[in-house]
Amino acid sequence: MEQFLAELSEIDAGKVLFNKPLSEFTTWKIGGPADVLIIPNTEDQLVSVVRLLHKHGVQWTNLGRGSNMLVSDKGIRGVVVQPGEAFDYARFDGTLVHAGAAYSFIKLSVLAAKEGLSGLEFAGGIPGSVGGAVYMNAGAHGSDVSRIFKSADIVLETGELVRYEVEDMKFTYRHSCLHERPGIVIGAVFELEQGERKDIMSTTSSYKQRRLLTQPLQLPCAGSVFRNPPNDFAARLIQEAGLKGMRCGGAEISNLHANFIVNTGQAKAEDVLTLMKTIQSTVKDKFGVELVAEVLVMGER
């Protein structure tokens, strides 16, 4: 790490922060410090940083908007890389949408609706960044990223810059090839369809209203904690197990949506993990179903 840091100081890497609490960068408002947080603000900076990490074999983690991530109380060892402001863009070219990795997925959905483009309506209730959405194959309301994805520019863990088409991504439910072959999405292109602006706006608005009515968005949370099992819903199973409202420290299984765990003020990662384990064991005992976490649990335990 010392040699890495010495060489890092000699290159244009963007913003470099030490021992930065990651609770400031996650929607759960939970997480200990990163040893080093690097925020590159150009493609060249990002590529240079990843190549240097690879050269020295330094452990690193990619951070987007932190909307689907539980960072441990001890934080993340090594380096955390978060694409900066230069990756926060969107532009339209006919039915194609070009968006940077740091761009809000919800905001992209709204802009597409205003352009009279259909296909991103499902994203109106999905927090997080474009990069995170591609990584997780984010989805809702019967659709997901794989259905509109055209290509993405990605920096692989070696520092190689590649362009992946939809067949390269190996999309499955809440999964992409980047889970096995780490890389950082720089930007993505989505292919939408021309439609009636009024109808698209109406659908997008209805999804937004449903989200506001059914999800505890007034408190820090990370969206759905568990994946839906085949032909069922994790929220239904958790509710039927009688777990709504259960608390551990500052964390609580939401009374509004059973598949959400909220931070009521001073929750620790261990509080959330305790509730997650309780949910999994109780649902398994009552229904024989093994719930799989949708949130990414990261950091030193």
Protein backbone atom coordinates (compact mmCIF):
# COMPACT_ATOMS: atom_id res chain seq x y z
CA MET A 1 0.00 0.00 0.00
CA GLU A 2 2.86 2.42 0.80
CA GLN A 3 4.33 2.10 -2.69
CA PHE A 4 0.86 2.47 -4.20
CA LEU A 5 0.24 5.68 -2.24
CA ALA A 6 3.65 7.03 -3.19
CA GLU A 7 2.92 6.52 -6.90
CA LEU A 8 -0.66 7.73 -6.47
CA SER A 9 0.64 11.10 -5.31
CA GLU A 10 2.58 11.39 -8.56
CA ILE A 11 -0.37 10.94 -10.93
CA ASP A 12 -3.51 12.95 -11.62
CA ALA A 13 -6.00 10.78 -9.73
CA GLY A 14 -8.74 13.23 -8.79
CA LYS A 15 -9.76 13.69 -5.15
CA VAL A 16 -8.03 11.45 -2.59
CA LEU A 17 -9.45 11.20 0.95
CA PHE A 18 -8.14 9.20 3.89
CA ASN A 19 -10.17 7.47 6.64
CA LYS A 20 -13.38 8.97 5.27
CA PRO A 21 -16.56 7.64 6.97
CA LEU A 22 -18.62 5.88 4.29
CA SER A 23 -21.83 6.60 6.20
CA GLU A 24 -21.67 9.91 4.33
CA PHE A 25 -21.88 8.04 1.02
CA THR A 26 -24.58 5.40 1.63
CA THR A 27 -28.35 5.83 1.65
CA TRP A 28 -28.53 3.79 4.87
CA LYS A 29 -26.24 6.42 6.47
CA ILE A 30 -24.27 3.50 7.89
CA GLY A 31 -20.62 2.52 7.46
CA GLY A 32 -17.17 2.90 8.92
CA PRO A 33 -14.22 4.57 7.18
CA ALA A 34 -12.46 3.69 3.98
CA ASP A 35 -8.68 3.56 4.29
CA VAL A 36 -8.50 5.55 1.06
CA LEU A 37 -11.37 7.01 -0.96
CA ILE A 38 -10.47 8.07 -4.50
CA ILE A 39 -12.92 10.10 -6.59
CA PRO A 40 -11.60 10.33 -10.19
CA ASN A 41 -13.27 13.04 -12.24
CA THR A 42 -12.23 12.02 -15.75
CA GLU A 43 -11.99 8.76 -17.67
CA ASP A 44 -8.22 9.08 -17.84
CA GLN A 45 -7.98 9.55 -14.08
CA LEU A 46 -10.17 6.51 -13.46
CA VAL A 47 -8.19 4.29 -15.82
CA SER A 48 -4.89 5.45 -14.29
CA VAL A 49 -6.11 4.71 -10.76
CA VAL A 50 -7.35 1.22 -11.61
CA ARG A 51 -4.14 0.38 -13.47
CA LEU A 52 -2.10 1.50 -10.49
CA LEU A 53 -4.27 -0.57 -8.14
CA HIS A 54 -3.74 -3.60 -10.36
CA LYS A 55 0.01 -2.99 -10.60
CA HIS A 56 0.40 -3.07 -6.82
CA GLY A 57 -2.25 -5.71 -6.11
CA VAL A 58 -4.17 -3.35 -3.84
CA GLN A 59 -7.66 -4.42 -2.76
CA TRP A 60 -10.34 -2.03 -4.02
CA THR A 61 -14.09 -1.55 -3.95
CA ASN A 62 -16.36 0.34 -6.34
CA LEU A 63 -18.86 2.77 -4.81
CA GLY A 64 -21.74 4.40 -6.64
CA ARG A 65 -24.50 6.24 -4.80
CA GLY A 66 -24.40 3.67 -2.01
CA SER A 67 -28.08 2.83 -2.38
CA ASN A 68 -27.75 -0.94 -2.40
CA MET A 69 -24.85 -1.36 -0.03
CA LEU A 70 -24.35 -2.15 3.65
CA VAL A 71 -20.86 -1.09 4.77
CA SER A 72 -19.60 -2.70 7.97
CA ASP A 73 -19.02 -0.65 11.10
CA LYS A 74 -15.26 -1.18 10.79
CA GLY A 75 -15.32 0.18 7.25
CA ILE A 76 -13.55 -0.99 4.11
CA ARG A 77 -9.88 -1.81 4.00
CA GLY A 78 -7.83 -0.85 0.99
CA VAL A 79 -9.15 1.60 -1.56
CA VAL A 80 -12.69 2.68 -2.46
CA VAL A 81 -13.19 4.20 -5.91
CA GLN A 82 -16.19 6.42 -6.66
CA PRO A 83 -16.69 7.97 -10.14
CA GLY A 84 -16.92 11.76 -9.80
CA GLU A 85 -18.97 14.58 -11.27
CA ALA A 86 -17.75 14.10 -14.84
CA PHE A 87 -19.66 10.80 -14.92
CA ASP A 88 -22.91 12.52 -13.89
CA TYR A 89 -24.46 13.23 -17.30
CA ALA A 90 -27.24 12.18 -19.65
CA ARG A 91 -27.91 12.93 -23.29
CA PHE A 92 -30.44 11.74 -25.84
CA ASP A 93 -29.84 10.73 -29.45
CA GLY A 94 -33.11 9.68 -31.00
CA THR A 95 -34.24 6.63 -29.05
CA LEU A 96 -30.79 6.09 -27.56
CA VAL A 97 -29.96 7.38 -24.08
CA HIS A 98 -26.32 7.89 -23.11
CA ALA A 99 -25.79 8.19 -19.35
CA GLY A 100 -22.77 8.40 -17.09
CA ALA A 101 -22.20 5.91 -14.30
CA ALA A 102 -22.84 8.52 -11.59
CA TYR A 103 -26.15 9.73 -13.03
CA SER A 104 -29.30 9.14 -10.97
CA PHE A 105 -31.35 6.25 -12.36
CA ILE A 106 -34.57 7.84 -11.14
CA LYS A 107 -33.71 11.16 -12.78
CA LEU A 108 -32.91 9.34 -16.02
CA SER A 109 -36.37 7.76 -15.95
CA VAL A 110 -38.02 11.16 -15.54
CA LEU A 111 -36.00 12.73 -18.36
CA ALA A 112 -36.80 9.85 -20.71
CA ALA A 113 -40.52 10.26 -19.96
CA LYS A 114 -40.32 13.97 -20.76
CA GLU A 115 -38.66 13.06 -24.06
CA GLY A 116 -41.56 10.75 -24.89
CA LEU A 117 -39.35 7.66 -24.70
CA SER A 118 -40.67 4.43 -23.23
CA GLY A 119 -38.72 1.66 -21.52
CA LEU A 120 -37.36 3.35 -18.40
CA GLU A 121 -40.66 3.76 -16.57
CA PHE A 122 -39.73 0.93 -14.18
CA ALA A 123 -36.68 2.91 -13.00
CA GLY A 124 -38.79 5.66 -11.44
CA GLY A 125 -38.69 3.88 -8.09
CA ILE A 126 -35.11 2.62 -8.12
CA PRO A 127 -32.61 4.75 -6.19
CA GLY A 128 -28.96 4.69 -7.07
CA SER A 129 -26.77 5.36 -10.07
CA VAL A 130 -26.74 4.18 -13.65
CA GLY A 131 -23.52 2.28 -12.95
CA GLY A 132 -25.06 0.47 -10.00
CA ALA A 133 -28.20 -0.31 -11.99
CA VAL A 134 -26.14 -1.94 -14.74
CA TYR A 135 -24.02 -3.87 -12.23
CA MET A 136 -27.10 -5.24 -10.43
CA ASN A 137 -29.39 -5.53 -13.46
CA ALA A 138 -31.80 -3.40 -11.42
CA GLY A 139 -35.47 -3.90 -12.05
CA ALA A 140 -39.05 -3.35 -10.92
CA HIS A 141 -42.62 -3.63 -12.20
CA GLY A 142 -41.80 -6.60 -14.42
CA SER A 143 -38.88 -5.02 -16.23
CA ASP A 144 -35.14 -4.56 -15.71
CA VAL A 145 -31.98 -3.09 -17.20
CA SER A 146 -31.34 -6.07 -19.48
CA ARG A 147 -34.46 -5.24 -21.53
CA ILE A 148 -33.23 -1.79 -22.56
CA PHE A 149 -29.45 -2.21 -22.33
CA LYS A 150 -27.43 -1.65 -25.49
CA SER A 151 -23.83 -1.25 -24.30
CA ALA A 152 -21.58 -0.01 -21.51
CA ASP A 153 -18.03 1.28 -21.31
CA ILE A 154 -16.24 -0.47 -18.47
CA VAL A 155 -12.80 -0.28 -16.87
CA LEU A 156 -11.86 -3.84 -15.94
CA GLU A 157 -9.82 -4.59 -12.82
CA THR A 158 -6.68 -4.72 -14.98
CA GLY A 159 -7.28 -1.16 -16.14
CA GLU A 160 -8.33 -2.31 -19.62
CA LEU A 161 -11.10 -0.18 -21.11
CA VAL A 162 -13.75 -2.29 -22.86
CA ARG A 163 -17.21 -1.90 -24.35
CA TYR A 164 -19.67 -4.65 -23.44
CA GLU A 165 -22.81 -5.38 -25.44
CA VAL A 166 -25.87 -6.99 -23.87
CA GLU A 167 -24.68 -10.54 -24.59
CA ASP A 168 -21.38 -9.82 -22.83
CA MET A 169 -23.11 -8.76 -19.61
CA LYS A 170 -24.66 -12.21 -18.91
CA PHE A 171 -27.64 -10.58 -17.24
CA THR A 172 -29.82 -12.66 -14.93
CA TYR A 173 -32.06 -11.68 -12.03
CA ARG A 174 -30.20 -8.90 -10.13
CA HIS A 175 -26.92 -10.11 -11.56
CA SER A 176 -24.37 -9.36 -14.26
CA CYS A 177 -20.95 -10.64 -15.29
CA LEU A 178 -19.37 -7.85 -13.24
CA HIS A 179 -20.11 -9.86 -10.10
CA GLU A 180 -17.52 -12.41 -11.27
CA ARG A 181 -15.20 -10.16 -13.25
CA PRO A 182 -14.87 -6.88 -11.36
CA GLY A 183 -14.93 -3.64 -13.24
CA ILE A 184 -16.21 -0.08 -13.03
CA VAL A 185 -18.97 1.07 -15.36
CA ILE A 186 -18.06 4.45 -16.88
CA GLY A 187 -21.29 4.97 -18.79
CA ALA A 188 -24.07 3.07 -20.51
CA VAL A 189 -26.32 3.33 -23.54
CA PHE A 190 -29.97 2.31 -23.33
CA GLU A 191 -32.27 1.78 -26.31
CA LEU A 192 -35.83 2.98 -25.74
CA GLU A 193 -38.95 3.28 -27.87
CA GLN A 194 -40.82 6.35 -29.03
CA GLY A 195 -44.22 6.58 -27.36
CA GLU A 196 -46.96 8.89 -26.23
CA ARG A 197 -45.39 11.37 -23.83
CA LYS A 198 -48.60 11.77 -21.84
CA ASP A 199 -48.99 8.02 -21.31
CA ILE A 200 -45.34 7.53 -20.38
CA MET A 201 -45.44 10.43 -17.92
CA SER A 202 -48.61 9.01 -16.40
CA THR A 203 -47.08 5.57 -15.90
CA THR A 204 -43.89 7.03 -14.45
CA SER A 205 -45.91 9.23 -12.09
CA SER A 206 -48.05 6.30 -10.94
CA TYR A 207 -44.95 4.26 -10.10
CA LYS A 208 -43.56 7.22 -8.18
CA GLN A 209 -46.77 7.64 -6.19
CA ARG A 210 -46.91 3.94 -5.44
CA ARG A 211 -43.33 4.10 -4.21
CA LEU A 212 -44.10 7.04 -1.92
CA LEU A 213 -47.14 5.28 -0.48
CA THR A 214 -45.60 1.84 0.03
CA GLN A 215 -41.94 2.49 0.88
CA PRO A 216 -40.51 4.14 4.03
CA LEU A 217 -38.50 6.74 2.16
CA GLN A 218 -38.65 9.29 4.99
CA LEU A 219 -35.98 7.27 6.81
CA PRO A 220 -32.52 6.18 5.60
CA CYS A 221 -32.78 2.79 3.90
CA ALA A 222 -31.33 0.81 1.02
CA GLY A 223 -34.38 -0.36 -0.90
CA SER A 224 -35.34 -4.02 -0.92
CA VAL A 225 -33.06 -6.02 1.38
CA PHE A 226 -33.81 -9.47 -0.09
CA ARG A 227 -34.41 -10.77 -3.59
CA ASN A 228 -37.86 -12.03 -4.38
CA PRO A 229 -37.89 -15.85 -4.45
CA PRO A 230 -39.39 -17.52 -7.55
CA ASN A 231 -43.13 -16.89 -7.84
CA ASP A 232 -43.32 -15.06 -4.52
CA PHE A 233 -42.38 -11.83 -2.76
CA ALA A 234 -39.86 -11.48 0.05
CA ALA A 235 -42.01 -8.77 1.67
CA ARG A 236 -45.02 -11.12 1.85
CA LEU A 237 -43.00 -13.85 3.50
CA ILE A 238 -41.45 -11.47 6.04
CA GLN A 239 -44.83 -9.97 6.87
CA GLU A 240 -46.50 -13.38 7.19
CA ALA A 241 -43.69 -14.39 9.53
CA GLY A 242 -44.79 -11.59 11.85
CA LEU A 243 -41.52 -9.67 11.66
CA LYS A 244 -42.76 -6.19 10.73
CA GLY A 245 -41.67 -3.63 13.30
CA MET A 246 -38.94 -5.81 14.85
CA ARG A 247 -36.01 -3.71 16.03
CA CYS A 248 -32.35 -4.22 16.84
CA GLY A 249 -30.54 -1.15 18.11
CA GLY A 250 -31.32 1.66 15.71
CA ALA A 251 -32.46 -0.62 12.88
CA GLU A 252 -36.08 -1.61 12.28
CA ILE A 253 -37.97 -3.84 9.87
CA SER A 254 -40.32 -1.30 8.35
CA ASN A 255 -44.00 -1.41 9.28
CA LEU A 256 -44.76 0.05 5.86
CA HIS A 257 -42.81 -2.42 3.71
CA ALA A 258 -41.51 -5.62 5.30
CA ASN A 259 -38.59 -5.99 2.85
CA PHE A 260 -37.13 -2.66 3.97
CA ILE A 261 -34.91 -2.18 7.00
CA VAL A 262 -34.73 1.44 8.08
CA ASN A 263 -32.22 3.41 10.11
CA THR A 264 -34.25 5.10 12.85
CA GLY A 265 -31.35 7.34 13.83
CA GLN A 266 -28.22 5.62 15.13
CA ALA A 267 -28.30 2.19 13.49
CA LYS A 268 -25.10 0.21 13.12
CA ALA A 269 -24.31 -2.26 10.39
CA GLU A 270 -24.39 -5.05 12.98
CA ASP A 271 -27.96 -4.05 13.90
CA VAL A 272 -29.01 -4.46 10.27
CA LEU A 273 -27.13 -7.74 9.90
CA THR A 274 -28.80 -9.12 13.02
CA LEU A 275 -32.24 -8.32 11.59
CA MET A 276 -31.27 -9.82 8.23
CA LYS A 277 -30.18 -13.08 9.88
CA THR A 278 -33.37 -13.17 11.95
CA ILE A 279 -35.48 -12.68 8.83
CA GLN A 280 -33.65 -15.42 6.95
CA SER A 281 -33.84 -17.97 9.75
CA THR A 282 -37.49 -17.23 10.60
CA VAL A 283 -38.66 -17.38 6.98
CA LYS A 284 -36.70 -20.59 6.45
CA ASP A 285 -38.26 -22.19 9.57
CA LYS A 286 -41.83 -21.11 8.74
CA PHE A 287 -41.93 -21.47 4.97
CA GLY A 288 -38.85 -23.46 3.96
CA VAL A 289 -37.69 -20.58 1.77
CA GLU A 290 -34.10 -19.33 1.81
CA LEU A 291 -34.08 -15.58 1.23
CA VAL A 292 -31.02 -14.25 -0.60
CA ALA A 293 -29.76 -10.76 0.19
CA GLU A 294 -30.15 -8.20 -2.58
CA VAL A 295 -28.05 -5.59 -0.78
CA LEU A 296 -24.30 -5.94 -1.00
CA VAL A 297 -22.65 -6.45 2.40
CA MET A 298 -19.13 -5.04 2.28
CA GLY A 299 -16.23 -4.26 4.56
CA GLU A 300 -14.28 -5.65 7.48
CA ARG A 301 -16.21 -7.73 10.00
